[in-house]
PDB file of N, CA and C in Angstrom:
ATOM      1  N   MET A   1     125.910 116.091 146.590  1.00  0.00           N
ATOM      2  CA  MET A   1     125.555 114.769 146.041  1.00  0.00           C
ATOM      3  C   MET A   1     125.406 115.164 144.399  1.00  0.00           C
ATOM      4  N   SER A   2     126.162 114.343 143.546  1.00  0.00           N
ATOM      5  CA  SER A   2     125.977 114.445 142.077  1.00  0.00           C
ATOM      6  C   SER A   2     124.942 113.547 141.294  1.00  0.00           C
ATOM      7  N   MET A   3     124.471 114.337 140.491  1.00  0.00           N
ATOM      8  CA  MET A   3     123.687 113.386 139.749  1.00  0.00           C
ATOM      9  C   MET A   3     124.281 113.129 138.478  1.00  0.00           C
ATOM     10  N   VAL A   4     123.778 111.815 138.105  1.00  0.00           N
ATOM     11  CA  VAL A   4     124.518 111.404 136.908  1.00  0.00           C
ATOM     12  C   VAL A   4     123.279 111.343 135.713  1.00  0.00           C
ATOM     13  N   MET A   5     123.361 111.842 134.578  1.00  0.00           N
ATOM     14  CA  MET A   5     122.314 111.848 133.533  1.00  0.00           C
ATOM     15  C   MET A   5     122.925 111.162 132.625  1.00  0.00           C
ATOM     16  N   THR A   6     121.831 110.089 132.089  1.00  0.00           N
ATOM     17  CA  THR A   6     122.297 109.206 131.083  1.00  0.00           C
ATOM     18  C   THR A   6     121.216 109.613 129.840  1.00  0.00           C
ATOM     19  N   SER A   7     121.916 109.416 128.857  1.00  0.00           N
ATOM     20  CA  SER A   7     121.187 109.639 127.755  1.00  0.00           C
ATOM     21  C   SER A   7     121.073 108.440 126.600  1.00  0.00           C
ATOM     22  N   LYS A   8     119.954 108.230 125.793  1.00  0.00           N
ATOM     23  CA  LYS A   8     119.828 107.221 125.133  1.00  0.00           C
ATOM     24  C   LYS A   8     120.787 107.376 124.217  1.00  0.00           C
ATOM     25  N   VAL A   9     121.747 106.226 123.765  1.00  0.00           N
ATOM     26  CA  VAL A   9     122.831 106.273 122.823  1.00  0.00           C
ATOM     27  C   VAL A   9     122.178 105.305 121.620  1.00  0.00           C
ATOM     28  N   ASN A  10     122.537 105.966 120.501  1.00  0.00           N
ATOM     29  CA  ASN A  10     121.939 105.200 119.111  1.00  0.00           C
ATOM     30  C   ASN A  10     122.819 103.957 119.124  1.00  0.00           C
ATOM     31  N   SER A  11     122.332 102.732 119.605  1.00  0.00           N
ATOM     32  CA  SER A  11     123.074 101.631 119.647  1.00  0.00           C
ATOM     33  C   SER A  11     123.078 101.045 118.155  1.00  0.00           C
ATOM     34  N   PRO A  12     124.076 100.063 117.817  1.00  0.00           N
ATOM     35  CA  PRO A  12     124.149  99.483 116.704  1.00  0.00           C
ATOM     36  C   PRO A  12     122.889  98.624 116.620  1.00  0.00           C
ATOM     37  N   VAL A  13     122.312  98.231 117.453  1.00  0.00           N
ATOM     38  CA  VAL A  13     121.254  97.209 117.352  1.00  0.00           C
ATOM     39  C   VAL A  13     119.854  98.411 117.006  1.00  0.00           C
ATOM     40  N   GLU A  14     120.036  99.189 117.459  1.00  0.00           N
ATOM     41  CA  GLU A  14     118.393 100.022 116.877  1.00  0.00           C
ATOM     42  C   GLU A  14     118.805 100.620 115.444  1.00  0.00           C
ATOM     43  N   GLY A  15     120.109 101.048 115.398  1.00  0.00           N
ATOM     44  CA  GLY A  15     120.677 101.269 113.858  1.00  0.00           C
ATOM     45  C   GLY A  15     120.477 100.244 112.880  1.00  0.00           C
ATOM     46  N   GLU A  16     120.655  98.975 113.326  1.00  0.00           N
ATOM     47  CA  GLU A  16     120.311  97.794 112.230  1.00  0.00           C
ATOM     48  C   GLU A  16     118.758  97.812 112.254  1.00  0.00           C
ATOM     49  N   LYS A  17     117.991  97.841 113.253  1.00  0.00           N
ATOM     50  CA  LYS A  17     116.705  97.778 112.964  1.00  0.00           C
ATOM     51  C   LYS A  17     116.041  98.804 112.152  1.00  0.00           C
ATOM     52  N   LYS A  18     116.748 100.072 112.218  1.00  0.00           N
ATOM     53  CA  LYS A  18     116.307 101.218 111.177  1.00  0.00           C
ATOM     54  C   LYS A  18     116.584 100.613 109.959  1.00  0.00           C
ATOM     55  N   ASN A  19     117.690 100.191 109.568  1.00  0.00           N
ATOM     56  CA  ASN A  19     118.256  99.569 108.346  1.00  0.00           C
ATOM     57  C   ASN A  19     117.391  98.866 107.650  1.00  0.00           C
ATOM     58  N   LYS A  20     116.914  97.691 108.690  1.00  0.00           N
ATOM     59  CA  LYS A  20     116.059  96.775 108.249  1.00  0.00           C
ATOM     60  C   LYS A  20     114.550  97.394 107.733  1.00  0.00           C
ATOM     61  N   LEU A  21     114.045  98.087 108.408  1.00  0.00           N
ATOM     62  CA  LEU A  21     112.968  98.685 108.211  1.00  0.00           C
ATOM     63  C   LEU A  21     113.117  99.487 107.122  1.00  0.00           C
ATOM     64  N   VAL A  22     113.899 100.407 106.756  1.00  0.00           N
ATOM     65  CA  VAL A  22     114.081 100.985 105.529  1.00  0.00           C
ATOM     66  C   VAL A  22     114.266 100.098 104.249  1.00  0.00           C
ATOM     67  N   PHE A  23     115.140  99.142 104.454  1.00  0.00           N
ATOM     68  CA  PHE A  23     115.113  98.250 103.424  1.00  0.00           C
ATOM     69  C   PHE A  23     113.848  97.598 102.841  1.00  0.00           C
ATOM     70  N   SER A  24     113.149  96.973 104.087  1.00  0.00           N
ATOM     71  CA  SER A  24     111.965  96.423 103.785  1.00  0.00           C
ATOM     72  C   SER A  24     111.050  97.189 103.001  1.00  0.00           C
ATOM     73  N   LEU A  25     110.800  98.446 103.612  1.00  0.00           N
ATOM     74  CA  LEU A  25     110.048  99.590 103.021  1.00  0.00           C
ATOM     75  C   LEU A  25     110.242  99.662 101.754  1.00  0.00           C
ATOM     76  N   SER A  26     111.759  99.861 101.315  1.00  0.00           N
ATOM     77  CA  SER A  26     111.943 100.131  99.873  1.00  0.00           C
ATOM     78  C   SER A  26     111.754  99.164  99.087  1.00  0.00           C
ATOM     79  N   LYS A  27     111.764  97.774  99.595  1.00  0.00           N
ATOM     80  CA  LYS A  27     111.371  96.487  98.513  1.00  0.00           C
ATOM     81  C   LYS A  27     109.792  96.845  98.294  1.00  0.00           C
ATOM     82  N   ILE A  28     109.021  97.040  99.399  1.00  0.00           N
ATOM     83  CA  ILE A  28     107.568  97.285  99.328  1.00  0.00           C
ATOM     84  C   ILE A  28     107.309  98.271  98.297  1.00  0.00           C
ATOM     85  N   VAL A  29     107.892  99.399  98.267  1.00  0.00           N
ATOM     86  CA  VAL A  29     107.801 100.774  97.486  1.00  0.00           C
ATOM     87  C   VAL A  29     108.136 100.309  96.139  1.00  0.00           C
ATOM     88  N   GLU A  30     109.066  99.601  96.026  1.00  0.00           N
ATOM     89  CA  GLU A  30     109.349  99.012  94.464  1.00  0.00           C
ATOM     90  C   GLU A  30     108.563  98.484  93.873  1.00  0.00           C
ATOM     91  N   SER A  31     107.693  97.856  94.444  1.00  0.00           N
ATOM     92  CA  SER A  31     106.528  96.773  93.977  1.00  0.00           C
ATOM     93  C   SER A  31     105.374  97.347  93.471  1.00  0.00           C
ATOM     94  N   LEU A  32     105.195  98.910  93.937  1.00  0.00           N
ATOM     95  CA  LEU A  32     104.095  99.604  93.625  1.00  0.00           C
ATOM     96  C   LEU A  32     103.944  99.720  92.028  1.00  0.00           C
ATOM     97  N   SER A  33     102.698  99.696  91.535  1.00  0.00           N
ATOM     98  CA  SER A  33     102.408  99.755  90.095  1.00  0.00           C
ATOM     99  C   SER A  33     102.129 101.357  90.015  1.00  0.00           C
ATOM    100  N   LYS A  34     102.257 101.668  88.621  1.00  0.00           N
ATOM    101  CA  LYS A  34     102.172 103.237  88.383  1.00  0.00           C
ATOM    102  C   LYS A  34     100.818 103.710  88.670  1.00  0.00           C
ATOM    103  N   GLU A  35      99.691 102.780  88.567  1.00  0.00           N
ATOM    104  CA  GLU A  35      98.729 103.273  89.089  1.00  0.00           C
ATOM    105  C   GLU A  35      98.396 103.517  90.643  1.00  0.00           C
ATOM    106  N   ALA A  36      99.124 102.712  91.247  1.00  0.00           N
ATOM    107  CA  ALA A  36      99.147 102.916  92.744  1.00  0.00           C
ATOM    108  C   ALA A  36     100.104 104.168  92.933  1.00  0.00           C
ATOM    109  N   ARG A  37     101.252 104.406  92.343  1.00  0.00           N
ATOM    110  CA  ARG A  37     101.936 105.795  92.517  1.00  0.00           C
ATOM    111  C   ARG A  37     101.176 107.036  92.237  1.00  0.00           C
ATOM    112  N   GLU A  38     100.350 106.843  90.975  1.00  0.00           N
ATOM    113  CA  GLU A  38      99.291 108.183  91.011  1.00  0.00           C
ATOM    114  C   GLU A  38      98.488 108.148  92.111  1.00  0.00           C
ATOM    115  N   GLU A  39      97.632 107.284  92.651  1.00  0.00           N
ATOM    116  CA  GLU A  39      96.993 107.378  93.689  1.00  0.00           C
ATOM    117  C   GLU A  39      97.612 107.695  94.881  1.00  0.00           C
ATOM    118  N   PHE A  40      98.906 107.416  95.209  1.00  0.00           N
ATOM    119  CA  PHE A  40      99.711 107.812  96.028  1.00  0.00           C
ATOM    120  C   PHE A  40      99.880 109.199  96.092  1.00  0.00           C
ATOM    121  N   ALA A  41     100.096 109.803  94.879  1.00  0.00           N
ATOM    122  CA  ALA A  41     100.406 111.247  94.552  1.00  0.00           C
ATOM    123  C   ALA A  41      99.187 111.846  94.960  1.00  0.00           C
ATOM    124  N   GLU A  42      97.984 111.310  94.722  1.00  0.00           N
ATOM    125  CA  GLU A  42      96.894 112.146  94.863  1.00  0.00           C
ATOM    126  C   GLU A  42      96.479 111.988  96.437  1.00  0.00           C
ATOM    127  N   GLU A  43      96.739 111.143  96.971  1.00  0.00           N
ATOM    128  CA  GLU A  43      96.386 110.936  98.501  1.00  0.00           C
ATOM    129  C   GLU A  43      97.100 111.781  99.362  1.00  0.00           C
ATOM    130  N   PHE A  44      98.484 111.831  99.112  1.00  0.00           N
ATOM    131  CA  PHE A  44      99.423 112.499  99.759  1.00  0.00           C
ATOM    132  C   PHE A  44     100.239 113.622  99.285  1.00  0.00           C
ATOM    133  N   SER A  45      99.503 114.473  98.524  1.00  0.00           N
ATOM    134  CA  SER A  45     100.040 115.642  97.614  1.00  0.00           C
ATOM    135  C   SER A  45     100.712 116.455  98.484  1.00  0.00           C
ATOM    136  N   GLU A  46      99.952 116.866  99.817  1.00  0.00           N
ATOM    137  CA  GLU A  46     100.606 117.860 100.596  1.00  0.00           C
ATOM    138  C   GLU A  46     102.089 117.238 101.072  1.00  0.00           C
ATOM    139  N   ASP A  47     101.958 116.011 101.435  1.00  0.00           N
ATOM    140  CA  ASP A  47     103.575 115.638 101.838  1.00  0.00           C
ATOM    141  C   ASP A  47     104.337 115.804 100.933  1.00  0.00           C
ATOM    142  N   LEU A  48     103.972 115.291  99.653  1.00  0.00           N
ATOM    143  CA  LEU A  48     104.870 115.446  98.513  1.00  0.00           C
ATOM    144  C   LEU A  48     105.366 116.887  98.231  1.00  0.00           C
ATOM    145  N   LYS A  49     104.644 117.808  98.607  1.00  0.00           N
ATOM    146  CA  LYS A  49     105.200 119.236  98.188  1.00  0.00           C
ATOM    147  C   LYS A  49     106.408 119.479  99.160  1.00  0.00           C
ATOM    148  N   GLU A  50     106.665 118.814 100.106  1.00  0.00           N
ATOM    149  CA  GLU A  50     108.001 118.963 100.652  1.00  0.00           C
ATOM    150  C   GLU A  50     109.141 118.411 100.236  1.00  0.00           C
ATOM    151  N   PHE A  51     109.041 117.385  99.153  1.00  0.00           N
ATOM    152  CA  PHE A  51     110.212 117.001  98.464  1.00  0.00           C
ATOM    153  C   PHE A  51     110.125 117.398  96.846  1.00  0.00           C
ATOM    154  N   LEU A  52     108.544 117.690  96.391  1.00  0.00           N
ATOM    155  CA  LEU A  52     108.809 118.041  94.829  1.00  0.00           C
ATOM    156  C   LEU A  52     108.218 119.350  94.791  1.00  0.00           C
ATOM    157  N   SER A  53     108.121 119.849  93.590  1.00  0.00           N
ATOM    158  CA  SER A  53     107.428 121.369  93.139  1.00  0.00           C
ATOM    159  C   SER A  53     106.191 120.951  92.906  1.00  0.00           C
ATOM    160  N   LYS A  54     105.349 121.978  93.096  1.00  0.00           N
ATOM    161  CA  LYS A  54     103.808 121.726  92.861  1.00  0.00           C
ATOM    162  C   LYS A  54     103.725 121.255  91.533  1.00  0.00           C
ATOM    163  N   THR A  55     104.467 121.660  90.500  1.00  0.00           N
ATOM    164  CA  THR A  55     103.869 121.226  89.063  1.00  0.00           C
ATOM    165  C   THR A  55     104.480 119.825  89.184  1.00  0.00           C
ATOM    166  N   ALA A  56     105.425 119.173  89.657  1.00  0.00           N
ATOM    167  CA  ALA A  56     105.903 117.904  89.947  1.00  0.00           C
ATOM    168  C   ALA A  56     104.773 117.098  90.306  1.00  0.00           C
ATOM    169  N   VAL A  57     104.098 117.681  91.383  1.00  0.00           N
ATOM    170  CA  VAL A  57     103.158 116.804  92.217  1.00  0.00           C
ATOM    171  C   VAL A  57     101.901 116.863  91.265  1.00  0.00           C
ATOM    172  N   TYR A  58     101.611 117.783  90.770  1.00  0.00           N
ATOM    173  CA  TYR A  58     100.481 117.999  89.778  1.00  0.00           C
ATOM    174  C   TYR A  58     100.637 117.054  88.615  1.00  0.00           C
ATOM    175  N   LYS A  59     101.978 116.866  88.382  1.00  0.00           N
ATOM    176  CA  LYS A  59     102.016 115.837  87.103  1.00  0.00           C
ATOM    177  C   LYS A  59     102.089 114.633  87.434  1.00  0.00           C
ATOM    178  N   ALA A  60     102.670 114.351  88.653  1.00  0.00           N
ATOM    179  CA  ALA A  60     102.420 113.017  89.395  1.00  0.00           C
ATOM    180  C   ALA A  60     100.896 112.516  89.464  1.00  0.00           C
ATOM    181  N   ILE A  61      99.927 113.552  90.096  1.00  0.00           N
ATOM    182  CA  ILE A  61      98.939 112.904  90.311  1.00  0.00           C
ATOM    183  C   ILE A  61      98.123 112.759  88.720  1.00  0.00           C
ATOM    184  N   ASN A  62      98.512 113.152  87.893  1.00  0.00           N
ATOM    185  CA  ASN A  62      97.658 113.189  86.540  1.00  0.00           C
ATOM    186  C   ASN A  62      98.420 112.014  85.707  1.00  0.00           C
ATOM    187  N   GLY A  63      99.527 111.506  86.255  1.00  0.00           N
ATOM    188  CA  GLY A  63      99.967 110.488  85.722  1.00  0.00           C
ATOM    189  C   GLY A  63     100.991 110.578  84.620  1.00  0.00           C
ATOM    190  N   ARG A  64     101.419 112.224  84.252  1.00  0.00           N
ATOM    191  CA  ARG A  64     102.467 112.728  83.395  1.00  0.00           C
ATOM    192  C   ARG A  64     103.596 112.396  83.785  1.00  0.00           C
ATOM    193  N   ILE A  65     104.159 112.121  85.258  1.00  0.00           N
ATOM    194  CA  ILE A  65     105.517 111.655  85.698  1.00  0.00           C
ATOM    195  C   ILE A  65     104.815 110.731  86.672  1.00  0.00           C
ATOM    196  N   HIS A  66     105.923 109.737  86.948  1.00  0.00           N
ATOM    197  CA  HIS A  66     105.776 108.695  88.009  1.00  0.00           C
ATOM    198  C   HIS A  66     106.572 108.888  89.279  1.00  0.00           C
ATOM    199  N   LEU A  67     106.093 108.983  90.464  1.00  0.00           N
ATOM    200  CA  LEU A  67     106.982 109.117  91.276  1.00  0.00           C
ATOM    201  C   LEU A  67     108.098 108.146  91.709  1.00  0.00           C
ATOM    202  N   SER A  68     109.382 108.397  92.207  1.00  0.00           N
ATOM    203  CA  SER A  68     110.552 107.649  92.267  1.00  0.00           C
ATOM    204  C   SER A  68     110.469 106.722  93.342  1.00  0.00           C
ATOM    205  N   ASN A  69     110.813 105.650  93.663  1.00  0.00           N
ATOM    206  CA  ASN A  69     110.809 104.799  95.065  1.00  0.00           C
ATOM    207  C   ASN A  69     111.477 105.796  96.094  1.00  0.00           C
ATOM    208  N   ASP A  70     112.709 106.649  95.688  1.00  0.00           N
ATOM    209  CA  ASP A  70     113.179 107.247  96.911  1.00  0.00           C
ATOM    210  C   ASP A  70     112.065 108.375  97.242  1.00  0.00           C
ATOM    211  N   THR A  71     111.222 109.070  96.558  1.00  0.00           N
ATOM    212  CA  THR A  71     110.438 110.082  96.773  1.00  0.00           C
ATOM    213  C   THR A  71     109.251 109.486  97.774  1.00  0.00           C
ATOM    214  N   ILE A  72     108.763 108.548  97.325  1.00  0.00           N
ATOM    215  CA  ILE A  72     107.672 107.706  97.923  1.00  0.00           C
ATOM    216  C   ILE A  72     108.190 107.110  99.233  1.00  0.00           C
ATOM    217  N   LEU A  73     109.411 106.471  99.297  1.00  0.00           N
ATOM    218  CA  LEU A  73     110.103 106.268 100.671  1.00  0.00           C
ATOM    219  C   LEU A  73     110.189 107.293 101.599  1.00  0.00           C
ATOM    220  N   ALA A  74     110.515 108.420 100.944  1.00  0.00           N
ATOM    221  CA  ALA A  74     110.963 109.731 101.969  1.00  0.00           C
ATOM    222  C   ALA A  74     109.427 110.086 102.764  1.00  0.00           C
ATOM    223  N   VAL A  75     108.496 109.998 102.045  1.00  0.00           N
ATOM    224  CA  VAL A  75     107.323 110.425 102.477  1.00  0.00           C
ATOM    225  C   VAL A  75     106.834 109.208 103.616  1.00  0.00           C
ATOM    226  N   VAL A  76     106.932 107.885 103.082  1.00  0.00           N
ATOM    227  CA  VAL A  76     106.530 106.798 104.042  1.00  0.00           C
ATOM    228  C   VAL A  76     107.292 107.134 105.317  1.00  0.00           C
ATOM    229  N   LEU A  77     108.607 107.238 105.376  1.00  0.00           N
ATOM    230  CA  LEU A  77     109.453 107.343 106.348  1.00  0.00           C
ATOM    231  C   LEU A  77     108.874 108.668 107.398  1.00  0.00           C
ATOM    232  N   THR A  78     108.381 109.489 106.803  1.00  0.00           N
ATOM    233  CA  THR A  78     107.828 110.808 107.533  1.00  0.00           C
ATOM    234  C   THR A  78     106.311 110.875 107.853  1.00  0.00           C
ATOM    235  N   ASN A  79     105.616 110.075 107.233  1.00  0.00           N
ATOM    236  CA  ASN A  79     104.212 109.995 107.528  1.00  0.00           C
ATOM    237  C   ASN A  79     103.549 108.481 107.784  1.00  0.00           C
ATOM    238  N   PRO A  80     103.322 108.134 108.975  1.00  0.00           N
ATOM    239  CA  PRO A  80     102.824 107.092 109.350  1.00  0.00           C
ATOM    240  C   PRO A  80     101.940 106.383 108.563  1.00  0.00           C
ATOM    241  N   LYS A  81     100.873 107.310 108.037  1.00  0.00           N
ATOM    242  CA  LYS A  81      99.724 107.015 107.239  1.00  0.00           C
ATOM    243  C   LYS A  81      99.980 106.919 105.821  1.00  0.00           C
ATOM    244  N   ALA A  82     101.005 107.153 105.511  1.00  0.00           N
ATOM    245  CA  ALA A  82     101.689 107.161 104.334  1.00  0.00           C
ATOM    246  C   ALA A  82     102.182 105.420 104.068  1.00  0.00           C
ATOM    247  N   LYS A  83     102.921 105.148 105.244  1.00  0.00           N
ATOM    248  CA  LYS A  83     103.429 103.887 105.273  1.00  0.00           C
ATOM    249  C   LYS A  83     102.362 102.911 105.597  1.00  0.00           C
ATOM    250  N   LYS A  84     101.479 102.957 106.145  1.00  0.00           N
ATOM    251  CA  LYS A  84      99.957 102.339 106.309  1.00  0.00           C
ATOM    252  C   LYS A  84      99.575 101.877 105.064  1.00  0.00           C
ATOM    253  N   TRP A  85      99.331 103.199 104.252  1.00  0.00           N
ATOM    254  CA  TRP A  85      98.628 102.990 102.831  1.00  0.00           C
ATOM    255  C   TRP A  85      99.574 102.285 101.875  1.00  0.00           C
ATOM    256  N   VAL A  86     100.894 102.537 101.830  1.00  0.00           N
ATOM    257  CA  VAL A  86     101.873 101.627 100.953  1.00  0.00           C
ATOM    258  C   VAL A  86     101.362 100.350 101.202  1.00  0.00           C
ATOM    259  N   MET A  87     101.783 100.064 102.669  1.00  0.00           N
ATOM    260  CA  MET A  87     101.569  98.652 102.727  1.00  0.00           C
ATOM    261  C   MET A  87     100.273  97.911 102.474  1.00  0.00           C
ATOM    262  N   GLN A  88      99.235  98.325 102.649  1.00  0.00           N
ATOM    263  CA  GLN A  88      97.878  98.162 102.223  1.00  0.00           C
ATOM    264  C   GLN A  88      97.853  97.982 100.953  1.00  0.00           C
ATOM    265  N   LYS A  89      98.327  98.977  99.950  1.00  0.00           N
ATOM    266  CA  LYS A  89      98.378  98.874  98.501  1.00  0.00           C
ATOM    267  C   LYS A  89      99.095  97.443  98.169  1.00  0.00           C
ATOM    268  N   ALA A  90     100.562  97.505  98.418  1.00  0.00           N
ATOM    269  CA  ALA A  90     101.049  96.529  98.035  1.00  0.00           C
ATOM    270  C   ALA A  90     100.554  94.937  98.359  1.00  0.00           C
ATOM    271  N   ARG A  91      99.823  94.977  99.494  1.00  0.00           N
ATOM    272  CA  ARG A  91      99.199  93.772  99.811  1.00  0.00           C
ATOM    273  C   ARG A  91      98.283  93.422  99.003  1.00  0.00           C
ATOM    274  N   GLU A  92      97.365  94.191  98.526  1.00  0.00           N
ATOM    275  CA  GLU A  92      96.273  94.472  97.836  1.00  0.00           C
ATOM    276  C   GLU A  92      96.852  93.789  96.234  1.00  0.00           C
ATOM    277  N   GLU A  93      97.994  94.500  95.639  1.00  0.00           N
ATOM    278  CA  GLU A  93      98.437  94.314  94.409  1.00  0.00           C
ATOM    279  C   GLU A  93      98.911  92.890  94.393  1.00  0.00           C
ATOM    280  N   ALA A  94      99.592  92.299  95.706  1.00  0.00           N
ATOM    281  CA  ALA A  94     100.060  91.207  95.743  1.00  0.00           C
ATOM    282  C   ALA A  94      99.216  90.115  95.661  1.00  0.00           C
ATOM    283  N   GLU A  95      98.064  90.264  96.233  1.00  0.00           N
ATOM    284  CA  GLU A  95      96.778  89.337  96.467  1.00  0.00           C
ATOM    285  C   GLU A  95      96.480  89.217  94.891  1.00  0.00           C
ATOM    286  N   ASN A  96      96.219  90.138  94.132  1.00  0.00           N
ATOM    287  CA  ASN A  96      95.865  90.204  92.615  1.00  0.00           C
ATOM    288  C   ASN A  96      96.964  89.224  91.855  1.00  0.00           C
ATOM    289  N   VAL A  97      98.077  89.471  92.094  1.00  0.00           N
ATOM    290  CA  VAL A  97      99.010  88.686  91.361  1.00  0.00           C
ATOM    291  C   VAL A  97      98.770  87.182  91.777  1.00  0.00           C
ATOM    292  N   LEU A  98      98.624  87.018  93.114  1.00  0.00           N
ATOM    293  CA  LEU A  98      98.412  85.330  93.734  1.00  0.00           C
ATOM    294  C   LEU A  98      97.342  84.808  92.811  1.00  0.00           C
ATOM    295  N   ARG A  99      96.093  85.534  93.140  1.00  0.00           N
ATOM    296  CA  ARG A  99      94.745  85.022  92.674  1.00  0.00           C
ATOM    297  C   ARG A  99      95.228  84.977  90.870  1.00  0.00           C
ATOM    298  N   ALA A 100      96.111  85.718  90.159  1.00  0.00           N
ATOM    299  CA  ALA A 100      96.348  85.525  88.675  1.00  0.00           C
ATOM    300  C   ALA A 100      97.030  84.296  88.549  1.00  0.00           C
ATOM    301  N   ILE A 101      98.308  84.186  89.545  1.00  0.00           N
ATOM    302  CA  ILE A 101      98.953  82.896  89.413  1.00  0.00           C
ATOM    303  C   ILE A 101      98.134  81.468  89.798  1.00  0.00           C
ATOM    304  N   GLU A 102      97.224  81.586  90.708  1.00  0.00           N
ATOM    305  CA  GLU A 102      96.259  80.697  90.834  1.00  0.00           C
ATOM    306  C   GLU A 102      95.439  80.203  89.516  1.00  0.00           C
ATOM    307  N   ALA A 103      94.894  81.144  89.174  1.00  0.00           N
ATOM    308  CA  ALA A 103      94.045  80.907  87.790  1.00  0.00           C
ATOM    309  C   ALA A 103      94.932  80.080  86.762  1.00  0.00           C
ATOM    310  N   LEU A 104      95.939  80.704  86.507  1.00  0.00           N
ATOM    311  CA  LEU A 104      96.899  80.200  85.532  1.00  0.00           C
ATOM    312  C   LEU A 104      97.087  78.751  85.678  1.00  0.00           C
ATOM    313  N   SER A 105      97.562  78.359  87.199  1.00  0.00           N
ATOM    314  CA  SER A 105      97.847  77.336  87.349  1.00  0.00           C
ATOM    315  C   SER A 105      96.842  76.430  87.325  1.00  0.00           C
ATOM    316  N   GLN A 106      95.504  76.645  87.710  1.00  0.00           N
ATOM    317  CA  GLN A 106      94.369  75.781  87.617  1.00  0.00           C
ATOM    318  C   GLN A 106      94.083  75.442  85.975  1.00  0.00           C
ATOM    319  N   GLU A 107      94.220  76.564  85.413  1.00  0.00           N
ATOM    320  CA  GLU A 107      93.953  76.352  84.097  1.00  0.00           C
ATOM    321  C   GLU A 107      94.933  75.501  83.115  1.00  0.00           C
ATOM    322  N   GLU A 108      96.416  75.516  83.579  1.00  0.00           N
ATOM    323  CA  GLU A 108      97.343  74.461  83.140  1.00  0.00           C
ATOM    324  C   GLU A 108      97.222  73.009  83.839  1.00  0.00           C
ATOM    325  N   ASP A 109      96.605  73.105  84.867  1.00  0.00           N
ATOM    326  CA  ASP A 109      96.216  71.621  85.435  1.00  0.00           C
ATOM    327  C   ASP A 109      95.111  70.888  84.869  1.00  0.00           C
ATOM    328  N   GLY A 110      94.067  71.848  84.721  1.00  0.00           N
ATOM    329  CA  GLY A 110      92.908  71.457  83.769  1.00  0.00           C
ATOM    330  C   GLY A 110      93.511  70.941  82.528  1.00  0.00           C
ATOM    331  N   GLY A 111      94.488  71.799  81.888  1.00  0.00           N
ATOM    332  CA  GLY A 111      94.754  71.250  80.527  1.00  0.00           C
ATOM    333  C   GLY A 111      95.390  69.992  80.385  1.00  0.00           C
ATOM    334  N   ARG A 112      96.197  69.618  81.343  1.00  0.00           N
ATOM    335  CA  ARG A 112      97.036  68.586  81.544  1.00  0.00           C
ATOM    336  C   ARG A 112      96.169  67.255  81.553  1.00  0.00           C
ATOM    337  N   ARG A 113      95.123  67.469  82.437  1.00  0.00           N
ATOM    338  CA  ARG A 113      94.088  66.465  82.790  1.00  0.00           C
ATOM    339  C   ARG A 113      93.283  66.127  81.581  1.00  0.00           C
ATOM    340  N   ASN A 114      92.988  66.887  80.803  1.00  0.00           N
ATOM    341  CA  ASN A 114      91.998  66.689  79.388  1.00  0.00           C
ATOM    342  C   ASN A 114      93.015  65.989  78.315  1.00  0.00           C
ATOM    343  N   LYS A 115      94.540  65.921  78.243  1.00  0.00           N
ATOM    344  CA  LYS A 115      94.990  65.250  77.372  1.00  0.00           C
ATOM    345  C   LYS A 115      95.070  63.677  77.386  1.00  0.00           C
TER     346      LYS A 115
END
């Protein structure tokens, strides 16, 4: 009796899901501020050493250089904690922007009513 062994084939559907994930994460990473990139460098300095020299990591932590989107994305794709951190930081920054927009809108609406 022969045994038939099957292996998981990298289906187009799985590849498409991965591409969507990478695309979505890259858009999130693009939105990070310089300050967030410095915090990221400090928080994930050990992971960054796989992709950058020690000098570059030191400069990134101290704000002398800023991490590229590709470097952050590389860490995010290899470290689930980094992925969670980036998503949370982007959420916080987006909420701050939305609050600022809301405040401006209310200010403009208030100015229109007074005229």
